[in-house]
Amino acid sequence: MNQSLLELKEISQSYESGGRLFTAIQALDLCVTEDNFISIVGPTGCGKSTLLRIITGLQKPSTGQVLYRGRALTGVNPHATLVFQTFALFPWLTLQQNVEVALEARGVPTLTREKRAIELLDRVGLDGFENAYPREISGGMRQKVGFARAMAVEPELLCLDEPFSALDVLSAELLRGDLLELWLGGQIPTKAILMVSHNIEEATLMSDRIVVMQKDPGRIVADLQIDLPHPRSAKDPKFIELVDRTYATLAGQTAPEHVEVGKPLGEPGPTRTLPDVTTNKLVSLMEHLAAIPGERTDLYRLAPELKLNSDYLLRLTEAAEMLRFAEVSHGDIFLTSLGETLAEASILARKEIFASRLRRLPLFKWLLERLHITEGHRIDREVVEAALEEKSHPMEVERQIETAINWGRYAELFVYDDNTKTFYIEPSEDRADEGLME
């Protein structure tokens, strides 16, 4: 049995803002053993990156305990290193000097760190580029430097925060292969790898375990074992089954409408946040589903077909469910009769269907009611921000407003003036809304 390296016990992370307490992670337990490559997947806002910062000691949890080799972690974890999704290289330093920075911070003598930096750059395939500057190499090569710098301090635990997301498809594929070769071949001293990913296929390709998180609050809902031997093929039926299972776990099942929508603004209780997607992408998804033969479609098949990462696809799915255009069951998505109507409707009819559904959502219902009763039928953006801050974390408020503007403009429910930061209803629209509210 592999030795335990890291244990998280009842970890919670909360933030206070405006006198309110927001919980990002709640009562989370996780055990990482030696020789484990674990991927953490979940929707945006579930606390994946926060979890890595807690594990590496860059952030202290509100409650709970982090144990490393059985001892409570205090301060920065000296045995762990974190690689970010951005390359985070110093542009004024050569590649070799960028790697040496990590060693210099630990007091390694000059000659020793020069030798180790050269060896590490060679190990990640950058031999001959020691004196090049970051601007002279590709994104994939820059991220390799990031890996070399992380491995320079010989971490037992290597933490990766979406390390391939900023790369093009070919560069990401090449770098994944390089990392797996180093890991499986024992060419790095690392005992375990923790990787946050928005790409379910990537996680299934590389990992021994996939930890699935959900949000509001962030928590682990599944810990899936991946027993496939390397190298793995995306065409392997077992691989496809695992990907499908992960999508099913993340997407869940369509809930009743009152659960999907939640409580109105201004009333106690949770309200569903608007998924951060555009109306163009959402309508395109409806059209795509309508064109597929058969009633149901596997979610995992849609990501490559639509050239979307799994996180954005799941957000689109959530929006489609919230608006009752589609339903999800056991990892399959299918259009409702309303979704089918939307896909086949004219441009103007789509706007009307969209508008009719938006009026049922708490944010739009609240906003339209206030626009109707306010003198001049105008509301400042800061009023909407204040209302949302009662339900959402301040970091989420800006995203919610931008999504509401995009959806509301498409449905022609209101006008938003970016110069005056004002929502308003034009006279003709005001009369139409009065009729709908009677």
Protein backbone atom coordinates (compact mmCIF):
# COMPACT_ATOMS: atom_id res chain seq x y z
CA MET A 1 0.00 0.00 0.00
CA ASN A 2 1.34 3.42 -0.97
CA GLN A 3 2.28 5.78 1.85
CA SER A 4 0.04 8.76 2.59
CA LEU A 5 1.64 12.02 1.47
CA LEU A 6 -1.10 14.60 2.03
CA GLU A 7 -4.33 14.63 4.01
CA LEU A 8 -7.01 17.31 4.06
CA LYS A 9 -9.40 17.06 6.99
CA GLU A 10 -12.67 19.00 7.10
CA ILE A 11 -11.19 21.88 5.05
CA SER A 12 -13.46 24.91 4.67
CA GLN A 13 -12.70 28.30 3.15
CA SER A 14 -14.97 31.28 3.71
CA TYR A 15 -14.73 34.95 2.79
CA GLU A 16 -16.43 37.91 4.41
CA SER A 17 -17.64 40.77 2.27
CA GLY A 18 -20.10 43.52 3.05
CA GLY A 19 -20.94 41.91 6.38
CA ARG A 20 -21.87 38.61 4.68
CA LEU A 21 -20.03 35.31 4.78
CA PHE A 22 -19.45 33.39 1.52
CA THR A 23 -18.32 29.76 1.62
CA ALA A 24 -16.00 28.74 -1.23
CA ILE A 25 -15.13 25.27 0.11
CA GLN A 26 -17.00 23.34 2.78
CA ALA A 27 -15.95 20.34 4.92
CA LEU A 28 -13.66 18.83 2.28
CA ASP A 29 -11.62 15.66 2.89
CA LEU A 30 -8.92 14.34 0.55
CA CYS A 31 -6.06 11.89 0.84
CA VAL A 32 -3.13 11.83 -1.59
CA THR A 33 -0.74 8.89 -1.52
CA GLU A 34 2.65 8.41 -3.15
CA ASP A 35 2.65 7.46 -6.84
CA ASN A 36 -0.75 9.14 -7.36
CA PHE A 37 -1.52 11.40 -10.31
CA ILE A 38 -4.80 13.06 -9.34
CA SER A 39 -6.84 15.45 -11.47
CA ILE A 40 -9.39 17.77 -9.88
CA VAL A 41 -12.27 18.75 -12.16
CA GLY A 42 -15.38 20.82 -11.56
CA PRO A 43 -17.30 23.92 -12.67
CA THR A 44 -15.83 27.40 -12.50
CA GLY A 45 -16.13 28.75 -8.98
CA CYS A 46 -16.07 25.41 -7.14
CA GLY A 47 -12.76 26.20 -5.42
CA LYS A 48 -10.29 24.04 -7.35
CA SER A 49 -7.54 26.65 -7.53
CA THR A 50 -8.22 27.74 -3.94
CA LEU A 51 -7.68 24.13 -2.91
CA LEU A 52 -4.24 24.07 -4.57
CA ARG A 53 -3.25 27.26 -2.77
CA ILE A 54 -4.29 25.72 0.56
CA ILE A 55 -2.33 22.54 -0.20
CA THR A 56 0.83 24.46 -1.10
CA GLY A 57 0.47 26.67 1.99
CA LEU A 58 -0.08 29.88 0.01
CA GLN A 59 -3.46 30.26 1.69
CA LYS A 60 -4.66 29.25 5.14
CA PRO A 61 -8.07 27.55 5.31
CA SER A 62 -10.77 29.05 7.50
CA THR A 63 -11.22 25.73 9.30
CA GLY A 64 -9.82 22.23 9.03
CA GLN A 65 -6.36 20.76 8.95
CA VAL A 66 -3.74 20.09 6.28
CA LEU A 67 -1.40 17.23 7.12
CA TYR A 68 1.78 16.56 5.16
CA ARG A 69 3.38 13.20 5.98
CA GLY A 70 1.29 13.18 9.13
CA ARG A 71 2.37 16.61 10.38
CA ALA A 72 0.21 19.73 10.45
CA LEU A 73 1.21 22.18 7.72
CA THR A 74 2.07 25.67 8.90
CA GLY A 75 3.06 28.29 6.36
CA VAL A 76 4.30 27.52 2.85
CA ASN A 77 4.72 23.80 2.09
CA PRO A 78 8.46 23.35 1.37
CA HIS A 79 7.81 19.99 -0.28
CA ALA A 80 5.28 21.24 -2.84
CA THR A 81 5.51 23.45 -5.93
CA LEU A 82 2.72 25.08 -7.93
CA VAL A 83 2.76 25.60 -11.72
CA PHE A 84 0.21 28.17 -12.92
CA GLN A 85 -1.72 28.24 -16.20
CA THR A 86 0.14 31.38 -17.27
CA PHE A 87 3.84 30.97 -17.95
CA ALA A 88 4.95 33.44 -15.23
CA LEU A 89 8.48 33.83 -16.59
CA PHE A 90 10.67 36.88 -16.09
CA PRO A 91 11.02 38.35 -19.60
CA TRP A 92 14.38 40.00 -18.83
CA LEU A 93 15.99 36.69 -17.83
CA THR A 94 17.19 33.87 -20.08
CA LEU A 95 15.52 30.47 -19.83
CA GLN A 96 18.40 29.18 -17.73
CA GLN A 97 18.21 32.18 -15.41
CA ASN A 98 14.45 31.70 -15.06
CA VAL A 99 15.04 28.16 -13.81
CA GLU A 100 17.88 29.28 -11.55
CA VAL A 101 15.60 31.78 -9.78
CA ALA A 102 13.87 28.97 -7.88
CA LEU A 103 17.22 27.55 -6.76
CA GLU A 104 18.67 30.92 -5.84
CA ALA A 105 15.68 31.55 -3.55
CA ARG A 106 16.68 28.40 -1.66
CA GLY A 107 20.28 29.42 -1.28
CA VAL A 108 21.75 26.93 -3.75
CA PRO A 109 25.36 27.91 -4.71
CA THR A 110 25.87 29.49 -8.15
CA LEU A 111 27.74 26.63 -9.84
CA THR A 112 25.33 24.02 -8.51
CA ARG A 113 22.24 25.88 -9.66
CA GLU A 114 23.73 26.57 -13.11
CA LYS A 115 24.44 22.86 -13.57
CA ARG A 116 21.00 21.80 -12.33
CA ALA A 117 19.19 24.37 -14.49
CA ILE A 118 20.98 23.13 -17.62
CA GLU A 119 20.17 19.50 -16.74
CA LEU A 120 16.49 20.30 -16.21
CA LEU A 121 16.14 22.25 -19.44
CA ASP A 122 17.71 19.29 -21.23
CA ARG A 123 15.28 16.94 -19.48
CA VAL A 124 12.23 18.86 -20.75
CA GLY A 125 13.62 19.02 -24.28
CA LEU A 126 15.06 22.55 -24.30
CA ASP A 127 18.74 21.71 -24.67
CA GLY A 128 20.37 24.50 -26.70
CA PHE A 129 17.85 27.14 -25.61
CA GLU A 130 19.51 28.00 -22.29
CA ASN A 131 20.46 31.52 -23.39
CA ALA A 132 17.21 32.29 -25.22
CA TYR A 133 14.69 34.75 -23.78
CA PRO A 134 10.98 33.92 -23.25
CA ARG A 135 9.94 36.20 -26.14
CA GLU A 136 12.01 34.07 -28.54
CA ILE A 137 10.19 30.77 -27.91
CA SER A 138 6.68 29.39 -28.29
CA GLY A 139 4.02 29.15 -25.59
CA GLY A 140 4.55 25.41 -25.22
CA MET A 141 8.28 25.90 -24.73
CA ARG A 142 7.65 28.64 -22.17
CA GLN A 143 5.44 26.31 -20.18
CA LYS A 144 8.21 23.69 -20.32
CA VAL A 145 10.46 26.23 -18.65
CA GLY A 146 7.77 26.60 -15.98
CA PHE A 147 7.87 22.84 -15.41
CA ALA A 148 11.68 22.85 -15.28
CA ARG A 149 11.65 25.66 -12.72
CA ALA A 150 9.08 23.82 -10.60
CA MET A 151 11.13 20.61 -10.69
CA ALA A 152 14.38 22.45 -9.88
CA VAL A 153 13.54 22.38 -6.18
CA GLU A 154 12.73 18.64 -6.46
CA PRO A 155 9.22 18.81 -5.00
CA GLU A 156 7.62 15.69 -3.59
CA LEU A 157 4.22 17.10 -4.55
CA LEU A 158 3.80 18.85 -7.91
CA CYS A 159 0.64 20.96 -8.16
CA LEU A 160 -0.54 22.09 -11.59
CA ASP A 161 -3.25 24.73 -12.06
CA GLU A 162 -4.60 24.20 -15.59
CA PRO A 163 -1.05 23.99 -16.98
CA PHE A 164 -2.09 23.37 -20.59
CA SER A 165 -5.10 25.70 -20.93
CA ALA A 166 -3.14 28.64 -22.37
CA LEU A 167 -1.61 26.51 -25.13
CA ASP A 168 -2.82 25.65 -28.61
CA VAL A 169 -4.10 22.09 -29.15
CA LEU A 170 -0.88 20.66 -30.63
CA SER A 171 1.42 22.27 -28.04
CA ALA A 172 -0.80 21.07 -25.20
CA GLU A 173 -0.86 17.53 -26.57
CA LEU A 174 2.93 17.48 -26.92
CA LEU A 175 3.52 18.86 -23.42
CA ARG A 176 1.09 16.38 -21.84
CA GLY A 177 3.04 13.56 -23.46
CA ASP A 178 6.35 14.99 -22.23
CA LEU A 179 5.09 15.31 -18.65
CA LEU A 180 3.70 11.77 -18.65
CA GLU A 181 6.99 10.44 -20.01
CA LEU A 182 8.93 12.12 -17.19
CA TRP A 183 6.43 10.98 -14.54
CA LEU A 184 5.95 7.38 -15.66
CA GLY A 185 9.65 6.96 -16.40
CA GLY A 186 10.66 8.09 -12.93
CA GLN A 187 12.81 10.87 -14.36
CA ILE A 188 11.58 13.40 -11.78
CA PRO A 189 11.77 13.06 -7.98
CA THR A 190 8.10 13.95 -7.56
CA LYS A 191 6.08 11.49 -5.46
CA ALA A 192 2.61 12.69 -6.49
CA ILE A 193 0.95 15.13 -8.91
CA LEU A 194 -2.22 17.14 -8.31
CA MET A 195 -3.63 18.80 -11.44
CA VAL A 196 -6.60 21.13 -11.73
CA SER A 197 -8.18 20.79 -15.17
CA HIS A 198 -11.25 21.97 -17.08
CA ASN A 199 -10.65 19.25 -19.67
CA ILE A 200 -12.24 15.93 -18.73
CA GLU A 201 -10.57 14.06 -21.58
CA GLU A 202 -7.18 15.43 -20.47
CA ALA A 203 -7.82 14.33 -16.88
CA THR A 204 -8.84 10.83 -18.01
CA LEU A 205 -5.81 10.58 -20.28
CA MET A 206 -3.26 11.43 -17.59
CA SER A 207 -4.60 10.57 -14.14
CA ASP A 208 -4.87 7.65 -11.74
CA ARG A 209 -7.80 9.34 -10.00
CA ILE A 210 -10.29 12.06 -10.93
CA VAL A 211 -11.71 14.05 -8.04
CA VAL A 212 -14.99 15.70 -9.07
CA MET A 213 -16.07 18.91 -7.31
CA GLN A 214 -19.32 20.84 -7.32
CA LYS A 215 -19.92 24.45 -6.26
CA ASP A 216 -22.14 26.49 -3.93
CA PRO A 217 -20.30 25.52 -1.79
CA GLY A 218 -17.26 23.77 -3.23
CA ARG A 219 -17.20 20.10 -2.24
CA ILE A 220 -16.10 16.70 -3.53
CA VAL A 221 -18.95 14.67 -5.00
CA ALA A 222 -16.98 11.79 -6.51
CA ASP A 223 -13.51 10.20 -6.47
CA LEU A 224 -13.14 8.09 -9.60
CA GLN A 225 -10.37 5.52 -10.05
CA ILE A 226 -8.74 5.28 -13.49
CA ASP A 227 -7.31 1.78 -13.93
CA LEU A 228 -6.40 2.02 -17.63
CA PRO A 229 -2.77 1.29 -18.54
CA HIS A 230 -0.60 3.89 -20.31
CA PRO A 231 -0.49 4.88 -23.11
CA ARG A 232 -4.23 5.48 -23.28
CA SER A 233 -6.38 5.85 -26.35
CA ALA A 234 -9.36 8.20 -26.55
CA LYS A 235 -11.01 5.57 -28.79
CA ASP A 236 -10.81 2.83 -26.15
CA PRO A 237 -14.38 1.93 -25.05
CA LYS A 238 -13.26 1.90 -21.40
CA PHE A 239 -11.76 5.38 -21.82
CA ILE A 240 -15.00 6.64 -23.38
CA GLU A 241 -17.01 5.05 -20.56
CA LEU A 242 -14.91 6.86 -17.93
CA VAL A 243 -15.23 10.21 -19.73
CA ASP A 244 -18.99 9.71 -20.01
CA ARG A 245 -19.20 8.84 -16.32
CA THR A 246 -17.31 11.99 -15.33
CA TYR A 247 -19.56 14.18 -17.50
CA ALA A 248 -22.60 12.51 -15.96
CA THR A 249 -21.30 13.20 -12.44
CA LEU A 250 -20.62 16.86 -13.24
CA ALA A 251 -23.82 17.54 -15.17
CA GLY A 252 -26.09 15.65 -12.78
CA GLN A 253 -29.79 15.47 -13.56
CA THR A 254 -32.17 18.27 -14.48
CA ALA A 255 -33.90 19.49 -11.32
CA PRO A 256 -37.47 20.78 -11.03
CA GLU A 257 -37.85 24.37 -12.20
CA HIS A 258 -38.30 25.86 -8.73
CA VAL A 259 -35.00 24.26 -7.71
CA GLU A 260 -33.26 25.39 -10.90
CA VAL A 261 -34.33 29.00 -10.46
CA GLY A 262 -34.12 29.43 -6.69
CA LYS A 263 -35.38 32.27 -4.50
CA PRO A 264 -36.11 35.77 -5.89
CA LEU A 265 -33.65 38.59 -5.25
CA GLY A 266 -34.43 40.39 -2.03
CA GLU A 267 -35.75 37.21 -0.35
CA PRO A 268 -33.79 34.82 1.90
CA GLY A 269 -32.47 31.66 0.33
CA PRO A 270 -30.14 30.72 -2.52
CA THR A 271 -30.68 31.84 -6.10
CA ARG A 272 -29.10 30.13 -9.09
CA THR A 273 -26.42 32.25 -10.71
CA LEU A 274 -26.53 32.80 -14.46
CA PRO A 275 -24.01 30.55 -16.25
CA ASP A 276 -21.34 32.67 -17.94
CA VAL A 277 -22.20 31.89 -21.59
CA THR A 278 -23.28 33.95 -24.58
CA THR A 279 -26.67 33.66 -26.25
CA ASN A 280 -25.00 32.96 -29.61
CA LYS A 281 -23.27 29.88 -28.23
CA LEU A 282 -26.43 28.75 -26.46
CA VAL A 283 -28.58 29.02 -29.58
CA SER A 284 -25.85 27.26 -31.58
CA LEU A 285 -25.98 24.37 -29.11
CA MET A 286 -29.75 24.08 -29.58
CA GLU A 287 -29.33 24.04 -33.37
CA HIS A 288 -26.57 21.43 -33.13
CA LEU A 289 -28.65 19.14 -30.90
CA ALA A 290 -31.67 19.49 -33.17
CA ALA A 291 -29.59 18.36 -36.16
CA ILE A 292 -28.31 15.18 -34.46
CA PRO A 293 -30.33 12.04 -35.28
CA GLY A 294 -31.99 10.46 -32.25
CA GLU A 295 -33.43 11.97 -29.12
CA ARG A 296 -30.40 11.84 -26.80
CA THR A 297 -26.77 12.86 -27.19
CA ASP A 298 -23.80 11.91 -25.01
CA LEU A 299 -22.36 15.08 -23.46
CA TYR A 300 -18.79 13.88 -23.89
CA ARG A 301 -19.25 13.75 -27.67
CA LEU A 302 -20.26 17.40 -27.89
CA ALA A 303 -17.03 18.97 -26.60
CA PRO A 304 -14.86 17.93 -29.59
CA GLU A 305 -17.71 18.41 -32.06
CA LEU A 306 -18.28 22.00 -30.92
CA LYS A 307 -14.57 22.64 -30.24
CA LEU A 308 -15.32 23.65 -26.64
CA ASN A 309 -13.60 22.70 -23.42
CA SER A 310 -15.68 20.66 -21.01
CA ASP A 311 -16.12 23.55 -18.56
CA TYR A 312 -17.75 25.83 -21.13
CA LEU A 313 -19.89 22.97 -22.46
CA LEU A 314 -21.18 22.25 -18.96
CA ARG A 315 -21.98 25.94 -18.48
CA LEU A 316 -23.94 25.88 -21.75
CA THR A 317 -25.74 22.77 -20.55
CA GLU A 318 -26.58 24.45 -17.24
CA ALA A 319 -27.99 27.48 -19.08
CA ALA A 320 -30.07 25.27 -21.38
CA GLU A 321 -31.49 23.44 -18.36
CA MET A 322 -32.18 26.65 -16.46
CA LEU A 323 -34.16 28.03 -19.40
CA ARG A 324 -35.88 24.66 -19.96
CA PHE A 325 -34.55 24.28 -23.49
CA ALA A 326 -32.88 20.95 -22.66
CA GLU A 327 -32.70 18.30 -19.96
CA VAL A 328 -29.83 16.13 -18.76
CA SER A 329 -29.98 12.56 -17.50
CA HIS A 330 -27.14 10.07 -16.91
CA GLY A 331 -24.64 12.04 -18.98
CA ASP A 332 -27.04 12.50 -21.91
CA ILE A 333 -28.61 15.76 -23.07
CA PHE A 334 -31.86 16.07 -25.02
CA LEU A 335 -33.99 18.95 -26.18
CA THR A 336 -37.34 19.73 -24.63
CA SER A 337 -40.24 20.61 -26.92
CA LEU A 338 -39.44 24.26 -26.19
CA GLY A 339 -35.81 23.71 -27.15
CA GLU A 340 -36.87 22.08 -30.41
CA THR A 341 -39.15 25.03 -31.13
CA LEU A 342 -36.32 27.46 -30.41
CA ALA A 343 -33.94 25.62 -32.76
CA GLU A 344 -36.45 25.74 -35.63
CA ALA A 345 -37.82 29.26 -35.01
CA SER A 346 -37.09 32.46 -36.88
CA ILE A 347 -34.72 35.06 -35.43
CA LEU A 348 -37.55 37.17 -33.98
CA ALA A 349 -39.44 34.16 -32.63
CA ARG A 350 -36.27 32.97 -30.87
CA LYS A 351 -35.95 36.32 -29.15
CA GLU A 352 -39.56 36.09 -27.94
CA ILE A 353 -39.06 32.55 -26.62
CA PHE A 354 -35.86 33.59 -24.90
CA ALA A 355 -37.57 36.64 -23.37
CA SER A 356 -40.47 34.56 -22.03
CA ARG A 357 -38.03 32.28 -20.18
CA LEU A 358 -35.84 35.09 -18.85
CA ARG A 359 -38.84 36.74 -17.21
CA ARG A 360 -39.07 33.71 -14.91
CA LEU A 361 -35.49 34.01 -13.63
CA PRO A 362 -35.05 35.90 -10.32
CA LEU A 363 -32.57 38.50 -11.58
CA PHE A 364 -34.58 39.43 -14.67
CA LYS A 365 -37.90 39.33 -12.83
CA TRP A 366 -36.53 41.66 -10.14
CA LEU A 367 -34.90 43.99 -12.69
CA LEU A 368 -37.97 44.29 -14.92
CA GLU A 369 -40.27 44.93 -11.95
CA ARG A 370 -38.06 47.78 -10.77
CA LEU A 371 -37.66 49.24 -14.23
CA HIS A 372 -41.45 49.22 -14.52
CA ILE A 373 -42.08 51.07 -11.22
CA THR A 374 -39.07 53.42 -11.22
CA GLU A 375 -39.54 56.97 -12.46
CA GLY A 376 -38.13 57.27 -15.97
CA HIS A 377 -37.90 53.46 -16.09
CA ARG A 378 -34.16 53.68 -15.45
CA ILE A 379 -31.92 51.93 -12.90
CA ASP A 380 -28.24 52.58 -12.28
CA ARG A 381 -25.91 49.63 -12.54
CA GLU A 382 -24.80 50.13 -8.92
CA VAL A 383 -28.37 49.40 -7.76
CA VAL A 384 -28.27 46.03 -9.50
CA GLU A 385 -24.79 45.38 -8.09
CA ALA A 386 -26.05 46.04 -4.56
CA ALA A 387 -28.96 43.60 -5.03
CA LEU A 388 -26.67 40.89 -6.40
CA GLU A 389 -24.18 41.32 -3.56
CA GLU A 390 -26.89 40.05 -1.22
CA LYS A 391 -26.85 36.73 -3.09
CA SER A 392 -23.41 36.42 -4.72
CA HIS A 393 -19.78 36.89 -3.80
CA PRO A 394 -18.49 40.29 -5.05
CA MET A 395 -16.12 38.51 -7.45
CA GLU A 396 -19.15 36.89 -9.08
CA VAL A 397 -21.30 40.04 -9.27
CA GLU A 398 -19.49 41.59 -12.25
CA ARG A 399 -19.75 38.36 -14.22
CA GLN A 400 -23.46 38.05 -13.41
CA ILE A 401 -24.20 41.58 -14.61
CA GLU A 402 -22.28 41.14 -17.86
CA THR A 403 -24.14 37.88 -18.55
CA ALA A 404 -27.49 39.53 -17.73
CA ILE A 405 -26.70 42.36 -20.13
CA ASN A 406 -25.85 39.92 -22.91
CA TRP A 407 -28.99 37.84 -22.38
CA GLY A 408 -31.30 40.83 -21.82
CA ARG A 409 -30.09 42.65 -24.93
CA TYR A 410 -30.60 39.54 -27.05
CA ALA A 411 -34.15 39.11 -25.73
CA GLU A 412 -34.77 42.87 -26.09
CA LEU A 413 -36.04 43.06 -22.51
CA PHE A 414 -34.14 46.26 -21.77
CA VAL A 415 -31.42 48.57 -23.02
CA TYR A 416 -28.11 49.05 -21.29
CA ASP A 417 -26.09 52.25 -21.78
CA ASP A 418 -22.43 51.54 -21.04
CA ASN A 419 -21.57 55.26 -20.99
CA THR A 420 -24.02 56.12 -18.19
CA LYS A 421 -23.96 52.60 -16.65
CA THR A 422 -27.75 52.55 -16.76
CA PHE A 423 -30.44 49.96 -17.50
CA TYR A 424 -33.64 51.32 -19.02
CA ILE A 425 -36.77 50.40 -20.93
CA GLU A 426 -37.72 52.31 -24.04
CA PRO A 427 -41.34 53.57 -24.19
CA SER A 428 -42.58 50.93 -26.62
CA GLU A 429 -40.91 48.13 -24.61
CA ASP A 430 -42.36 49.56 -21.38
CA ARG A 431 -45.90 49.26 -22.73
CA ALA A 432 -45.24 45.69 -23.85
CA ASP A 433 -43.98 44.74 -20.40
CA GLU A 434 -47.00 46.37 -18.74
CA GLY A 435 -49.24 44.10 -20.78
CA LEU A 436 -47.22 41.04 -19.83
CA MET A 437 -47.36 41.88 -16.10
CA GLU A 438 -51.13 42.44 -15.98
